[in-house]
Amino acid sequence: MAYYVYLLASKKHGTLYLGVTNDIVRRVYEHRSIAIKGFTSRYGVDNLVWFEIYMMCSPQSRARRS
């Protein structure tokens, strides 16, 4: 299964958000539609500026997300 590390920004020189997901399209949609209230909706962070794909997720990441 692929995992995505992604970076969102509010604007140039604005707030940044770093996240990890296994479905980048769904997750960016959630950020843009403010489906989940929290940091990104509070600071208007919804522009995808960078992402990388990894084929494995580290055991530490899996434990943290459980």
Protein backbone atom coordinates (compact mmCIF):
# COMPACT_ATOMS: atom_id res chain seq x y z
CA MET A 1 0.00 0.00 0.00
CA ALA A 2 1.29 3.47 -0.87
CA TYR A 3 1.53 6.28 1.66
CA TYR A 4 1.79 9.97 0.85
CA VAL A 5 3.66 12.61 2.81
CA TYR A 6 2.23 15.98 1.82
CA LEU A 7 2.63 19.67 2.54
CA LEU A 8 -0.20 22.19 2.47
CA ALA A 9 0.12 25.98 2.70
CA SER A 10 -2.29 28.82 3.37
CA LYS A 11 -0.52 31.35 1.14
CA LYS A 12 2.99 32.49 0.26
CA HIS A 13 4.99 32.85 3.51
CA GLY A 14 1.90 31.64 5.40
CA THR A 15 1.05 28.69 7.60
CA LEU A 16 2.27 25.18 6.66
CA TYR A 17 0.75 21.79 7.43
CA LEU A 18 2.60 18.47 7.03
CA GLY A 19 0.54 15.30 6.84
CA VAL A 20 0.60 11.58 6.01
CA THR A 21 -2.22 9.66 4.33
CA ASN A 22 -2.88 6.60 2.21
CA ASP A 23 -5.41 8.46 -0.02
CA ILE A 24 -4.07 11.86 -1.13
CA VAL A 25 -7.09 12.80 -3.26
CA ARG A 26 -9.56 12.17 -0.43
CA ARG A 27 -7.39 13.94 2.14
CA VAL A 28 -6.84 17.09 0.07
CA TYR A 29 -10.58 17.18 -0.63
CA GLU A 30 -11.25 16.98 3.13
CA HIS A 31 -8.89 19.89 3.74
CA ARG A 32 -10.42 22.04 1.00
CA SER A 33 -14.05 21.31 1.91
CA ILE A 34 -13.35 21.74 5.64
CA ALA A 35 -14.92 18.33 6.26
CA ILE A 36 -13.03 18.02 9.55
CA LYS A 37 -12.75 21.00 11.87
CA GLY A 38 -9.25 21.64 13.18
CA PHE A 39 -5.90 23.20 12.40
CA THR A 40 -6.28 23.43 8.63
CA SER A 41 -9.74 24.99 8.77
CA ARG A 42 -8.67 27.43 11.50
CA TYR A 43 -5.67 28.69 9.52
CA GLY A 44 -7.01 28.30 5.96
CA VAL A 45 -4.38 25.76 4.95
CA ASP A 46 -5.72 24.13 1.79
CA ASN A 47 -3.19 24.51 -1.05
CA LEU A 48 -1.23 21.35 -1.85
CA VAL A 49 2.35 22.45 -2.53
CA TRP A 50 4.31 19.19 -2.32
CA PHE A 51 3.95 15.42 -1.86
CA GLU A 52 6.03 12.24 -2.04
CA ILE A 53 4.90 8.64 -2.38
CA TYR A 54 6.30 5.86 -0.18
CA MET A 55 5.50 2.18 -0.59
CA MET A 56 5.85 1.40 3.12
CA CYS A 57 4.86 3.09 6.33
CA SER A 58 7.29 2.78 9.25
CA PRO A 59 6.20 0.76 12.31
CA GLN A 60 6.42 3.95 14.41
CA SER A 61 3.95 5.72 12.14
CA ARG A 62 1.53 2.80 12.26
CA ALA A 63 1.67 2.73 16.07
CA ARG A 64 1.13 6.50 16.30
CA ARG A 65 -1.94 6.38 14.01
CA SER A 66 -3.57 3.51 15.97
